[in-house]
mmCIF file of all heavy atoms, coordinates in Angstrom:
data_MODEL
# 
_entry.id   MODEL 
# 
loop_
_atom_site.group_PDB 
_atom_site.id 
_atom_site.type_symbol 
_atom_site.label_atom_id 
_atom_site.label_alt_id 
_atom_site.label_comp_id 
_atom_site.label_asym_id 
_atom_site.label_entity_id 
_atom_site.label_seq_id 
_atom_site.pdbx_PDB_ins_code 
_atom_site.Cartn_x 
_atom_site.Cartn_y 
_atom_site.Cartn_z 
_atom_site.occupancy 
_atom_site.B_iso_or_equiv 
_atom_site.pdbx_formal_charge 
_atom_site.auth_seq_id 
_atom_site.auth_comp_id 
_atom_site.auth_asym_id 
_atom_site.auth_atom_id 
_atom_site.pdbx_PDB_model_num 
ATOM 1   N N   . ARG A 1 1  ? -47.866 1.612   91.967  1.00 0.00 ? 1  ARG A N   1 
ATOM 2   C CA  . ARG A 1 1  ? -48.873 0.880   92.609  1.00 0.00 ? 1  ARG A CA  1 
ATOM 3   C C   . ARG A 1 1  ? -48.741 0.909   94.110  1.00 0.00 ? 1  ARG A C   1 
ATOM 4   O O   . ARG A 1 1  ? -47.614 1.012   94.660  1.00 0.00 ? 1  ARG A O   1 
ATOM 5   C CB  . ARG A 1 1  ? -48.880 -0.595  92.134  1.00 0.00 ? 1  ARG A CB  1 
ATOM 6   C CG  . ARG A 1 1  ? -49.913 -1.481  92.834  1.00 0.00 ? 1  ARG A CG  1 
ATOM 7   C CD  . ARG A 1 1  ? -49.758 -2.867  92.352  1.00 0.00 ? 1  ARG A CD  1 
ATOM 8   N NE  . ARG A 1 1  ? -50.220 -3.134  91.008  1.00 0.00 ? 1  ARG A NE  1 
ATOM 9   C CZ  . ARG A 1 1  ? -50.116 -4.236  90.364  1.00 0.00 ? 1  ARG A CZ  1 
ATOM 10  N NH1 . ARG A 1 1  ? -49.593 -5.280  90.917  1.00 0.00 ? 1  ARG A NH1 1 
ATOM 11  N NH2 . ARG A 1 1  ? -50.623 -4.375  89.113  1.00 0.00 ? 1  ARG A NH2 1 
ATOM 12  N N   . HIS A 1 2  ? -49.826 0.863   94.853  1.00 0.00 ? 2  HIS A N   1 
ATOM 13  C CA  . HIS A 1 2  ? -49.724 0.855   96.316  1.00 0.00 ? 2  HIS A CA  1 
ATOM 14  C C   . HIS A 1 2  ? -50.692 -0.145  96.913  1.00 0.00 ? 2  HIS A C   1 
ATOM 15  O O   . HIS A 1 2  ? -51.796 -0.324  96.437  1.00 0.00 ? 2  HIS A O   1 
ATOM 16  C CB  . HIS A 1 2  ? -50.023 2.294   96.896  1.00 0.00 ? 2  HIS A CB  1 
ATOM 17  C CG  . HIS A 1 2  ? -51.347 2.797   96.546  1.00 0.00 ? 2  HIS A CG  1 
ATOM 18  N ND1 . HIS A 1 2  ? -52.402 2.531   97.299  1.00 0.00 ? 2  HIS A ND1 1 
ATOM 19  C CD2 . HIS A 1 2  ? -51.740 3.629   95.562  1.00 0.00 ? 2  HIS A CD2 1 
ATOM 20  C CE1 . HIS A 1 2  ? -53.541 3.129   96.839  1.00 0.00 ? 2  HIS A CE1 1 
ATOM 21  N NE2 . HIS A 1 2  ? -53.093 3.812   95.737  1.00 0.00 ? 2  HIS A NE2 1 
ATOM 22  N N   . THR A 1 3  ? -50.223 -0.873  97.905  1.00 0.00 ? 3  THR A N   1 
ATOM 23  C CA  . THR A 1 3  ? -51.103 -1.831  98.661  1.00 0.00 ? 3  THR A CA  1 
ATOM 24  C C   . THR A 1 3  ? -50.762 -1.508  100.170 1.00 0.00 ? 3  THR A C   1 
ATOM 25  O O   . THR A 1 3  ? -49.910 -0.679  100.489 1.00 0.00 ? 3  THR A O   1 
ATOM 26  C CB  . THR A 1 3  ? -50.713 -3.280  98.361  1.00 0.00 ? 3  THR A CB  1 
ATOM 27  O OG1 . THR A 1 3  ? -49.362 -3.483  98.704  1.00 0.00 ? 3  THR A OG1 1 
ATOM 28  C CG2 . THR A 1 3  ? -50.976 -3.558  96.874  1.00 0.00 ? 3  THR A CG2 1 
ATOM 29  N N   . PHE A 1 4  ? -51.504 -2.191  101.004 1.00 0.00 ? 4  PHE A N   1 
ATOM 30  C CA  . PHE A 1 4  ? -51.399 -1.896  102.448 1.00 0.00 ? 4  PHE A CA  1 
ATOM 31  C C   . PHE A 1 4  ? -49.928 -2.314  102.879 1.00 0.00 ? 4  PHE A C   1 
ATOM 32  O O   . PHE A 1 4  ? -49.337 -1.525  103.691 1.00 0.00 ? 4  PHE A O   1 
ATOM 33  C CB  . PHE A 1 4  ? -52.383 -2.752  103.233 1.00 0.00 ? 4  PHE A CB  1 
ATOM 34  C CG  . PHE A 1 4  ? -52.192 -2.620  104.743 1.00 0.00 ? 4  PHE A CG  1 
ATOM 35  C CD1 . PHE A 1 4  ? -52.616 -1.507  105.447 1.00 0.00 ? 4  PHE A CD1 1 
ATOM 36  C CD2 . PHE A 1 4  ? -51.609 -3.639  105.471 1.00 0.00 ? 4  PHE A CD2 1 
ATOM 37  C CE1 . PHE A 1 4  ? -52.456 -1.345  106.823 1.00 0.00 ? 4  PHE A CE1 1 
ATOM 38  C CE2 . PHE A 1 4  ? -51.356 -3.552  106.799 1.00 0.00 ? 4  PHE A CE2 1 
ATOM 39  C CZ  . PHE A 1 4  ? -51.810 -2.433  107.488 1.00 0.00 ? 4  PHE A CZ  1 
ATOM 40  N N   . LEU A 1 5  ? -49.409 -3.430  102.451 1.00 0.00 ? 5  LEU A N   1 
ATOM 41  C CA  . LEU A 1 5  ? -48.091 -3.861  102.900 1.00 0.00 ? 5  LEU A CA  1 
ATOM 42  C C   . LEU A 1 5  ? -47.012 -3.087  102.185 1.00 0.00 ? 5  LEU A C   1 
ATOM 43  O O   . LEU A 1 5  ? -45.884 -2.955  102.746 1.00 0.00 ? 5  LEU A O   1 
ATOM 44  C CB  . LEU A 1 5  ? -47.908 -5.356  102.614 1.00 0.00 ? 5  LEU A CB  1 
ATOM 45  C CG  . LEU A 1 5  ? -48.827 -6.275  103.408 1.00 0.00 ? 5  LEU A CG  1 
ATOM 46  C CD1 . LEU A 1 5  ? -48.559 -7.712  102.995 1.00 0.00 ? 5  LEU A CD1 1 
ATOM 47  C CD2 . LEU A 1 5  ? -48.568 -6.120  104.914 1.00 0.00 ? 5  LEU A CD2 1 
ATOM 48  N N   . SER A 1 6  ? -47.201 -2.519  101.005 1.00 0.00 ? 6  SER A N   1 
ATOM 49  C CA  . SER A 1 6  ? -46.270 -1.777  100.309 1.00 0.00 ? 6  SER A CA  1 
ATOM 50  C C   . SER A 1 6  ? -46.851 -0.509  99.745  1.00 0.00 ? 6  SER A C   1 
ATOM 51  O O   . SER A 1 6  ? -47.330 -0.539  98.583  1.00 0.00 ? 6  SER A O   1 
ATOM 52  C CB  . SER A 1 6  ? -45.600 -2.620  99.203  1.00 0.00 ? 6  SER A CB  1 
ATOM 53  O OG  . SER A 1 6  ? -44.634 -1.861  98.491  1.00 0.00 ? 6  SER A OG  1 
ATOM 54  N N   . PRO A 1 7  ? -46.920 0.532   100.492 1.00 0.00 ? 7  PRO A N   1 
ATOM 55  C CA  . PRO A 1 7  ? -47.590 1.764   100.062 1.00 0.00 ? 7  PRO A CA  1 
ATOM 56  C C   . PRO A 1 7  ? -46.914 2.381   98.839  1.00 0.00 ? 7  PRO A C   1 
ATOM 57  O O   . PRO A 1 7  ? -47.565 3.132   98.092  1.00 0.00 ? 7  PRO A O   1 
ATOM 58  C CB  . PRO A 1 7  ? -47.507 2.658   101.259 1.00 0.00 ? 7  PRO A CB  1 
ATOM 59  C CG  . PRO A 1 7  ? -47.184 1.773   102.432 1.00 0.00 ? 7  PRO A CG  1 
ATOM 60  C CD  . PRO A 1 7  ? -46.455 0.669   101.894 1.00 0.00 ? 7  PRO A CD  1 
ATOM 61  N N   . GLU A 1 8  ? -45.650 2.077   98.570  1.00 0.00 ? 8  GLU A N   1 
ATOM 62  C CA  . GLU A 1 8  ? -44.944 2.661   97.392  1.00 0.00 ? 8  GLU A CA  1 
ATOM 63  C C   . GLU A 1 8  ? -44.299 1.559   96.604  1.00 0.00 ? 8  GLU A C   1 
ATOM 64  O O   . GLU A 1 8  ? -43.329 0.863   97.077  1.00 0.00 ? 8  GLU A O   1 
ATOM 65  C CB  . GLU A 1 8  ? -43.895 3.660   97.865  1.00 0.00 ? 8  GLU A CB  1 
ATOM 66  C CG  . GLU A 1 8  ? -44.516 4.925   98.602  1.00 0.00 ? 8  GLU A CG  1 
ATOM 67  C CD  . GLU A 1 8  ? -43.404 5.863   99.096  1.00 0.00 ? 8  GLU A CD  1 
ATOM 68  O OE1 . GLU A 1 8  ? -42.478 6.104   98.304  1.00 0.00 ? 8  GLU A OE1 1 
ATOM 69  O OE2 . GLU A 1 8  ? -43.518 6.295   100.225 1.00 0.00 ? 8  GLU A OE2 1 
ATOM 70  N N   . GLN A 1 9  ? -44.788 1.336   95.415  1.00 0.00 ? 9  GLN A N   1 
ATOM 71  C CA  . GLN A 1 9  ? -44.219 0.337   94.517  1.00 0.00 ? 9  GLN A CA  1 
ATOM 72  C C   . GLN A 1 9  ? -44.005 1.029   93.163  1.00 0.00 ? 9  GLN A C   1 
ATOM 73  O O   . GLN A 1 9  ? -44.939 1.525   92.508  1.00 0.00 ? 9  GLN A O   1 
ATOM 74  C CB  . GLN A 1 9  ? -45.127 -0.866  94.304  1.00 0.00 ? 9  GLN A CB  1 
ATOM 75  C CG  . GLN A 1 9  ? -45.453 -1.638  95.518  1.00 0.00 ? 9  GLN A CG  1 
ATOM 76  C CD  . GLN A 1 9  ? -46.368 -2.795  95.272  1.00 0.00 ? 9  GLN A CD  1 
ATOM 77  O OE1 . GLN A 1 9  ? -46.273 -3.494  94.257  1.00 0.00 ? 9  GLN A OE1 1 
ATOM 78  N NE2 . GLN A 1 9  ? -47.309 -3.025  96.216  1.00 0.00 ? 9  GLN A NE2 1 
ATOM 79  N N   . TYR A 1 10 ? -42.753 1.035   92.737  1.00 0.00 ? 10 TYR A N   1 
ATOM 80  C CA  . TYR A 1 10 ? -42.483 1.624   91.455  1.00 0.00 ? 10 TYR A CA  1 
ATOM 81  C C   . TYR A 1 10 ? -41.904 0.520   90.513  1.00 0.00 ? 10 TYR A C   1 
ATOM 82  O O   . TYR A 1 10 ? -41.161 -0.311  90.874  1.00 0.00 ? 10 TYR A O   1 
ATOM 83  C CB  . TYR A 1 10 ? -41.330 2.695   91.548  1.00 0.00 ? 10 TYR A CB  1 
ATOM 84  C CG  . TYR A 1 10 ? -41.682 3.890   92.406  1.00 0.00 ? 10 TYR A CG  1 
ATOM 85  C CD1 . TYR A 1 10 ? -41.429 3.931   93.782  1.00 0.00 ? 10 TYR A CD1 1 
ATOM 86  C CD2 . TYR A 1 10 ? -42.264 5.000   91.873  1.00 0.00 ? 10 TYR A CD2 1 
ATOM 87  C CE1 . TYR A 1 10 ? -41.741 5.014   94.563  1.00 0.00 ? 10 TYR A CE1 1 
ATOM 88  C CE2 . TYR A 1 10 ? -42.565 6.136   92.597  1.00 0.00 ? 10 TYR A CE2 1 
ATOM 89  C CZ  . TYR A 1 10 ? -42.324 6.109   93.937  1.00 0.00 ? 10 TYR A CZ  1 
ATOM 90  O OH  . TYR A 1 10 ? -42.625 7.242   94.743  1.00 0.00 ? 10 TYR A OH  1 
ATOM 91  N N   . THR A 1 11 ? -42.311 0.592   89.207  1.00 0.00 ? 11 THR A N   1 
ATOM 92  C CA  . THR A 1 11 ? -41.754 -0.246  88.167  1.00 0.00 ? 11 THR A CA  1 
ATOM 93  C C   . THR A 1 11 ? -41.405 0.652   87.066  1.00 0.00 ? 11 THR A C   1 
ATOM 94  O O   . THR A 1 11 ? -42.221 1.417   86.481  1.00 0.00 ? 11 THR A O   1 
ATOM 95  C CB  . THR A 1 11 ? -42.832 -1.279  87.662  1.00 0.00 ? 11 THR A CB  1 
ATOM 96  O OG1 . THR A 1 11 ? -43.224 -2.106  88.783  1.00 0.00 ? 11 THR A OG1 1 
ATOM 97  C CG2 . THR A 1 11 ? -42.200 -2.136  86.617  1.00 0.00 ? 11 THR A CG2 1 
ATOM 98  N N   . VAL A 1 12 ? -40.108 0.580   86.779  1.00 0.00 ? 12 VAL A N   1 
ATOM 99  C CA  . VAL A 1 12 ? -39.547 1.415   85.579  1.00 0.00 ? 12 VAL A CA  1 
ATOM 100 C C   . VAL A 1 12 ? -38.986 0.472   84.584  1.00 0.00 ? 12 VAL A C   1 
ATOM 101 O O   . VAL A 1 12 ? -38.193 -0.367  84.875  1.00 0.00 ? 12 VAL A O   1 
ATOM 102 C CB  . VAL A 1 12 ? -38.458 2.334   86.102  1.00 0.00 ? 12 VAL A CB  1 
ATOM 103 C CG1 . VAL A 1 12 ? -37.904 3.159   84.999  1.00 0.00 ? 12 VAL A CG1 1 
ATOM 104 C CG2 . VAL A 1 12 ? -39.019 3.298   87.229  1.00 0.00 ? 12 VAL A CG2 1 
ATOM 105 N N   . GLN A 1 13 ? -39.484 0.620   83.368  1.00 0.00 ? 13 GLN A N   1 
ATOM 106 C CA  . GLN A 1 13 ? -39.017 -0.273  82.296  1.00 0.00 ? 13 GLN A CA  1 
ATOM 107 C C   . GLN A 1 13 ? -38.467 0.561   81.109  1.00 0.00 ? 13 GLN A C   1 
ATOM 108 O O   . GLN A 1 13 ? -39.058 1.579   80.686  1.00 0.00 ? 13 GLN A O   1 
ATOM 109 C CB  . GLN A 1 13 ? -40.216 -1.042  81.819  1.00 0.00 ? 13 GLN A CB  1 
ATOM 110 C CG  . GLN A 1 13 ? -39.864 -2.093  80.711  1.00 0.00 ? 13 GLN A CG  1 
ATOM 111 C CD  . GLN A 1 13 ? -41.074 -2.955  80.378  1.00 0.00 ? 13 GLN A CD  1 
ATOM 112 O OE1 . GLN A 1 13 ? -41.813 -3.331  81.234  1.00 0.00 ? 13 GLN A OE1 1 
ATOM 113 N NE2 . GLN A 1 13 ? -41.162 -3.363  79.114  1.00 0.00 ? 13 GLN A NE2 1 
ATOM 114 N N   . GLN A 1 14 ? -37.285 0.136   80.629  1.00 0.00 ? 14 GLN A N   1 
ATOM 115 C CA  . GLN A 1 14 ? -36.624 0.809   79.521  1.00 0.00 ? 14 GLN A CA  1 
ATOM 116 C C   . GLN A 1 14 ? -36.274 -0.233  78.474  1.00 0.00 ? 14 GLN A C   1 
ATOM 117 O O   . GLN A 1 14 ? -35.725 -1.300  78.800  1.00 0.00 ? 14 GLN A O   1 
ATOM 118 C CB  . GLN A 1 14 ? -35.357 1.546   79.990  1.00 0.00 ? 14 GLN A CB  1 
ATOM 119 C CG  . GLN A 1 14 ? -35.595 2.534   81.118  1.00 0.00 ? 14 GLN A CG  1 
ATOM 120 C CD  . GLN A 1 14 ? -34.370 3.068   81.686  1.00 0.00 ? 14 GLN A CD  1 
ATOM 121 O OE1 . GLN A 1 14 ? -33.662 3.923   81.042  1.00 0.00 ? 14 GLN A OE1 1 
ATOM 122 N NE2 . GLN A 1 14 ? -34.031 2.674   82.886  1.00 0.00 ? 14 GLN A NE2 1 
ATOM 123 N N   . ASN A 1 15 ? -36.493 0.055   77.190  1.00 0.00 ? 15 ASN A N   1 
ATOM 124 C CA  . ASN A 1 15 ? -36.259 -0.851  76.122  1.00 0.00 ? 15 ASN A CA  1 
ATOM 125 C C   . ASN A 1 15 ? -35.682 -0.027  74.931  1.00 0.00 ? 15 ASN A C   1 
ATOM 126 O O   . ASN A 1 15 ? -36.052 1.109   74.780  1.00 0.00 ? 15 ASN A O   1 
ATOM 127 C CB  . ASN A 1 15 ? -37.515 -1.655  75.618  1.00 0.00 ? 15 ASN A CB  1 
ATOM 128 C CG  . ASN A 1 15 ? -38.015 -2.595  76.727  1.00 0.00 ? 15 ASN A CG  1 
ATOM 129 O OD1 . ASN A 1 15 ? -37.527 -3.656  76.929  1.00 0.00 ? 15 ASN A OD1 1 
ATOM 130 N ND2 . ASN A 1 15 ? -39.019 -2.119  77.456  1.00 0.00 ? 15 ASN A ND2 1 
ATOM 131 N N   . ALA A 1 16 ? -34.884 -0.640  74.126  1.00 0.00 ? 16 ALA A N   1 
ATOM 132 C CA  . ALA A 1 16 ? -34.310 -0.004  72.985  1.00 0.00 ? 16 ALA A CA  1 
ATOM 133 C C   . ALA A 1 16 ? -33.873 -1.026  71.919  1.00 0.00 ? 16 ALA A C   1 
ATOM 134 O O   . ALA A 1 16 ? -33.731 -2.229  72.231  1.00 0.00 ? 16 ALA A O   1 
ATOM 135 C CB  . ALA A 1 16 ? -33.081 0.853   73.409  1.00 0.00 ? 16 ALA A CB  1 
ATOM 136 N N   . ILE A 1 17 ? -33.656 -0.583  70.769  1.00 0.00 ? 17 ILE A N   1 
ATOM 137 C CA  . ILE A 1 17 ? -33.141 -1.385  69.649  1.00 0.00 ? 17 ILE A CA  1 
ATOM 138 C C   . ILE A 1 17 ? -31.931 -0.588  69.095  1.00 0.00 ? 17 ILE A C   1 
ATOM 139 O O   . ILE A 1 17 ? -32.033 0.625   68.766  1.00 0.00 ? 17 ILE A O   1 
ATOM 140 C CB  . ILE A 1 17 ? -34.101 -1.603  68.530  1.00 0.00 ? 17 ILE A CB  1 
ATOM 141 C CG1 . ILE A 1 17 ? -35.344 -2.348  69.004  1.00 0.00 ? 17 ILE A CG1 1 
ATOM 142 C CG2 . ILE A 1 17 ? -33.451 -2.367  67.352  1.00 0.00 ? 17 ILE A CG2 1 
ATOM 143 C CD1 . ILE A 1 17 ? -36.446 -2.556  67.961  1.00 0.00 ? 17 ILE A CD1 1 
ATOM 144 N N   . VAL A 1 18 ? -30.723 -1.241  69.134  1.00 0.00 ? 18 VAL A N   1 
ATOM 145 C CA  . VAL A 1 18 ? -29.523 -0.611  68.669  1.00 0.00 ? 18 VAL A CA  1 
ATOM 146 C C   . VAL A 1 18 ? -29.334 -0.920  67.161  1.00 0.00 ? 18 VAL A C   1 
ATOM 147 O O   . VAL A 1 18 ? -29.180 -2.025  66.727  1.00 0.00 ? 18 VAL A O   1 
ATOM 148 C CB  . VAL A 1 18 ? -28.307 -1.095  69.420  1.00 0.00 ? 18 VAL A CB  1 
ATOM 149 C CG1 . VAL A 1 18 ? -27.004 -0.431  68.925  1.00 0.00 ? 18 VAL A CG1 1 
ATOM 150 C CG2 . VAL A 1 18 ? -28.476 -0.877  70.954  1.00 0.00 ? 18 VAL A CG2 1 
ATOM 151 N N   . SER A 1 19 ? -29.471 0.144   66.356  1.00 0.00 ? 19 SER A N   1 
ATOM 152 C CA  . SER A 1 19 ? -29.359 0.045   64.889  1.00 0.00 ? 19 SER A CA  1 
ATOM 153 C C   . SER A 1 19 ? -27.951 -0.487  64.510  1.00 0.00 ? 19 SER A C   1 
ATOM 154 O O   . SER A 1 19 ? -26.987 -0.010  65.000  1.00 0.00 ? 19 SER A O   1 
ATOM 155 C CB  . SER A 1 19 ? -29.755 1.293   64.219  1.00 0.00 ? 19 SER A CB  1 
ATOM 156 O OG  . SER A 1 19 ? -28.829 2.311   64.611  1.00 0.00 ? 19 SER A OG  1 
ATOM 157 N N   . GLY A 1 20 ? -28.009 -1.395  63.525  1.00 0.00 ? 20 GLY A N   1 
ATOM 158 C CA  . GLY A 1 20 ? -26.703 -1.899  63.013  1.00 0.00 ? 20 GLY A CA  1 
ATOM 159 C C   . GLY A 1 20 ? -26.043 -2.871  63.843  1.00 0.00 ? 20 GLY A C   1 
ATOM 160 O O   . GLY A 1 20 ? -24.894 -3.242  63.569  1.00 0.00 ? 20 GLY A O   1 
ATOM 161 N N   . ARG A 1 21 ? -26.694 -3.391  64.887  1.00 0.00 ? 21 ARG A N   1 
ATOM 162 C CA  . ARG A 1 21 ? -26.053 -4.393  65.740  1.00 0.00 ? 21 ARG A CA  1 
ATOM 163 C C   . ARG A 1 21 ? -26.948 -5.562  65.959  1.00 0.00 ? 21 ARG A C   1 
ATOM 164 O O   . ARG A 1 21 ? -28.167 -5.379  66.161  1.00 0.00 ? 21 ARG A O   1 
ATOM 165 C CB  . ARG A 1 21 ? -25.753 -3.736  67.146  1.00 0.00 ? 21 ARG A CB  1 
ATOM 166 C CG  . ARG A 1 21 ? -25.048 -4.706  68.102  1.00 0.00 ? 21 ARG A CG  1 
ATOM 167 C CD  . ARG A 1 21 ? -24.725 -3.973  69.367  1.00 0.00 ? 21 ARG A CD  1 
ATOM 168 N NE  . ARG A 1 21 ? -24.272 -4.878  70.442  1.00 0.00 ? 21 ARG A NE  1 
ATOM 169 C CZ  . ARG A 1 21 ? -23.941 -4.532  71.685  1.00 0.00 ? 21 ARG A CZ  1 
ATOM 170 N NH1 . ARG A 1 21 ? -23.983 -3.267  72.044  1.00 0.00 ? 21 ARG A NH1 1 
ATOM 171 N NH2 . ARG A 1 21 ? -23.553 -5.447  72.573  1.00 0.00 ? 21 ARG A NH2 1 
ATOM 172 N N   . LYS A 1 22 ? -26.385 -6.797  66.008  1.00 0.00 ? 22 LYS A N   1 
ATOM 173 C CA  . LYS A 1 22 ? -27.067 -8.035  66.208  1.00 0.00 ? 22 LYS A CA  1 
ATOM 174 C C   . LYS A 1 22 ? -26.714 -8.663  67.523  1.00 0.00 ? 22 LYS A C   1 
ATOM 175 O O   . LYS A 1 22 ? -25.637 -8.384  68.073  1.00 0.00 ? 22 LYS A O   1 
ATOM 176 C CB  . LYS A 1 22 ? -26.810 -9.019  65.079  1.00 0.00 ? 22 LYS A CB  1 
ATOM 177 C CG  . LYS A 1 22 ? -27.106 -8.473  63.667  1.00 0.00 ? 22 LYS A CG  1 
ATOM 178 C CD  . LYS A 1 22 ? -28.554 -8.195  63.419  1.00 0.00 ? 22 LYS A CD  1 
ATOM 179 C CE  . LYS A 1 22 ? -28.821 -7.751  61.981  1.00 0.00 ? 22 LYS A CE  1 
ATOM 180 N NZ  . LYS A 1 22 ? -30.242 -7.514  61.736  1.00 0.00 ? 22 LYS A NZ  1 
ATOM 181 N N   . TRP A 1 23 ? -27.612 -9.566  68.034  1.00 0.00 ? 23 TRP A N   1 
ATOM 182 C CA  . TRP A 1 23 ? -27.233 -10.301 69.260  1.00 0.00 ? 23 TRP A CA  1 
ATOM 183 C C   . TRP A 1 23 ? -26.090 -11.235 68.919  1.00 0.00 ? 23 TRP A C   1 
ATOM 184 O O   . TRP A 1 23 ? -26.060 -11.801 67.811  1.00 0.00 ? 23 TRP A O   1 
ATOM 185 C CB  . TRP A 1 23 ? -28.436 -11.081 69.715  1.00 0.00 ? 23 TRP A CB  1 
ATOM 186 C CG  . TRP A 1 23 ? -29.556 -10.282 70.319  1.00 0.00 ? 23 TRP A CG  1 
ATOM 187 C CD1 . TRP A 1 23 ? -30.617 -9.810  69.751  1.00 0.00 ? 23 TRP A CD1 1 
ATOM 188 C CD2 . TRP A 1 23 ? -29.629 -9.959  71.752  1.00 0.00 ? 23 TRP A CD2 1 
ATOM 189 N NE1 . TRP A 1 23 ? -31.404 -9.119  70.683  1.00 0.00 ? 23 TRP A NE1 1 
ATOM 190 C CE2 . TRP A 1 23 ? -30.792 -9.212  71.913  1.00 0.00 ? 23 TRP A CE2 1 
ATOM 191 C CE3 . TRP A 1 23 ? -28.840 -10.231 72.823  1.00 0.00 ? 23 TRP A CE3 1 
ATOM 192 C CZ2 . TRP A 1 23 ? -31.198 -8.683  73.126  1.00 0.00 ? 23 TRP A CZ2 1 
ATOM 193 C CZ3 . TRP A 1 23 ? -29.227 -9.728  74.091  1.00 0.00 ? 23 TRP A CZ3 1 
ATOM 194 C CH2 . TRP A 1 23 ? -30.430 -9.036  74.245  1.00 0.00 ? 23 TRP A CH2 1 
ATOM 195 N N   . LEU A 1 24 ? -25.200 -11.422 69.881  1.00 0.00 ? 24 LEU A N   1 
ATOM 196 C CA  . LEU A 1 24 ? -24.095 -12.318 69.690  1.00 0.00 ? 24 LEU A CA  1 
ATOM 197 C C   . LEU A 1 24 ? -24.559 -13.820 69.561  1.00 0.00 ? 24 LEU A C   1 
ATOM 198 O O   . LEU A 1 24 ? -24.027 -14.596 68.803  1.00 0.00 ? 24 LEU A O   1 
ATOM 199 C CB  . LEU A 1 24 ? -23.099 -12.172 70.832  1.00 0.00 ? 24 LEU A CB  1 
ATOM 200 C CG  . LEU A 1 24 ? -22.307 -10.867 70.996  1.00 0.00 ? 24 LEU A CG  1 
ATOM 201 C CD1 . LEU A 1 24 ? -21.408 -10.944 72.175  1.00 0.00 ? 24 LEU A CD1 1 
ATOM 202 C CD2 . LEU A 1 24 ? -21.536 -10.596 69.689  1.00 0.00 ? 24 LEU A CD2 1 
ATOM 203 N N   . HIS A 1 25 ? -25.603 -14.145 70.279  1.00 0.00 ? 25 HIS A N   1 
ATOM 204 C CA  . HIS A 1 25 ? -26.149 -15.466 70.270  1.00 0.00 ? 25 HIS A CA  1 
ATOM 205 C C   . HIS A 1 25 ? -27.110 -15.703 69.150  1.00 0.00 ? 25 HIS A C   1 
ATOM 206 O O   . HIS A 1 25 ? -27.489 -16.855 68.905  1.00 0.00 ? 25 HIS A O   1 
ATOM 207 C CB  . HIS A 1 25 ? -26.757 -15.851 71.623  1.00 0.00 ? 25 HIS A CB  1 
ATOM 208 C CG  . HIS A 1 25 ? -28.013 -15.111 71.912  1.00 0.00 ? 25 HIS A CG  1 
ATOM 209 N ND1 . HIS A 1 25 ? -28.071 -13.838 72.386  1.00 0.00 ? 25 HIS A ND1 1 
ATOM 210 C CD2 . HIS A 1 25 ? -29.336 -15.473 71.709  1.00 0.00 ? 25 HIS A CD2 1 
ATOM 211 C CE1 . HIS A 1 25 ? -29.285 -13.429 72.496  1.00 0.00 ? 25 HIS A CE1 1 
ATOM 212 N NE2 . HIS A 1 25 ? -30.127 -14.395 72.116  1.00 0.00 ? 25 HIS A NE2 1 
ATOM 213 N N   . ASP A 1 26 ? -27.552 -14.679 68.488  1.00 0.00 ? 26 ASP A N   1 
ATOM 214 C CA  . ASP A 1 26 ? -28.546 -14.816 67.387  1.00 0.00 ? 26 ASP A CA  1 
ATOM 215 C C   . ASP A 1 26 ? -28.337 -13.670 66.389  1.00 0.00 ? 26 ASP A C   1 
ATOM 216 O O   . ASP A 1 26 ? -28.867 -12.574 66.559  1.00 0.00 ? 26 ASP A O   1 
ATOM 217 C CB  . ASP A 1 26 ? -29.926 -14.701 67.978  1.00 0.00 ? 26 ASP A CB  1 
ATOM 218 C CG  . ASP A 1 26 ? -31.026 -14.988 66.912  1.00 0.00 ? 26 ASP A CG  1 
ATOM 219 O OD1 . ASP A 1 26 ? -30.680 -15.186 65.747  1.00 0.00 ? 26 ASP A OD1 1 
ATOM 220 O OD2 . ASP A 1 26 ? -32.196 -15.101 67.331  1.00 0.00 ? 26 ASP A OD2 1 
ATOM 221 N N   . SER A 1 27 ? -27.508 -13.973 65.386  1.00 0.00 ? 27 SER A N   1 
ATOM 222 C CA  . SER A 1 27 ? -27.138 -12.908 64.426  1.00 0.00 ? 27 SER A CA  1 
ATOM 223 C C   . SER A 1 27 ? -28.300 -12.498 63.483  1.00 0.00 ? 27 SER A C   1 
ATOM 224 O O   . SER A 1 27 ? -28.117 -11.585 62.725  1.00 0.00 ? 27 SER A O   1 
ATOM 225 C CB  . SER A 1 27 ? -25.928 -13.432 63.550  1.00 0.00 ? 27 SER A CB  1 
ATOM 226 O OG  . SER A 1 27 ? -26.346 -14.681 62.885  1.00 0.00 ? 27 SER A OG  1 
ATOM 227 N N   . GLN A 1 28 ? -29.410 -13.212 63.654  1.00 0.00 ? 28 GLN A N   1 
ATOM 228 C CA  . GLN A 1 28 ? -30.541 -12.861 62.754  1.00 0.00 ? 28 GLN A CA  1 
ATOM 229 C C   . GLN A 1 28 ? -31.496 -11.799 63.381  1.00 0.00 ? 28 GLN A C   1 
ATOM 230 O O   . GLN A 1 28 ? -32.332 -11.239 62.770  1.00 0.00 ? 28 GLN A O   1 
ATOM 231 C CB  . GLN A 1 28 ? -31.422 -14.108 62.535  1.00 0.00 ? 28 GLN A CB  1 
ATOM 232 C CG  . GLN A 1 28 ? -30.626 -15.198 61.854  1.00 0.00 ? 28 GLN A CG  1 
ATOM 233 C CD  . GLN A 1 28 ? -30.114 -14.853 60.496  1.00 0.00 ? 28 GLN A CD  1 
ATOM 234 O OE1 . GLN A 1 28 ? -30.808 -14.180 59.685  1.00 0.00 ? 28 GLN A OE1 1 
ATOM 235 N NE2 . GLN A 1 28 ? -28.851 -15.173 60.269  1.00 0.00 ? 28 GLN A NE2 1 
# 
């Protein structure tokens, strides 16, 4: 995205699910 005040704006998003592993705070 680009605006006058910030001609270059990048947003990079990465997500994943690790098979066979649960959250430590939520084993479900």
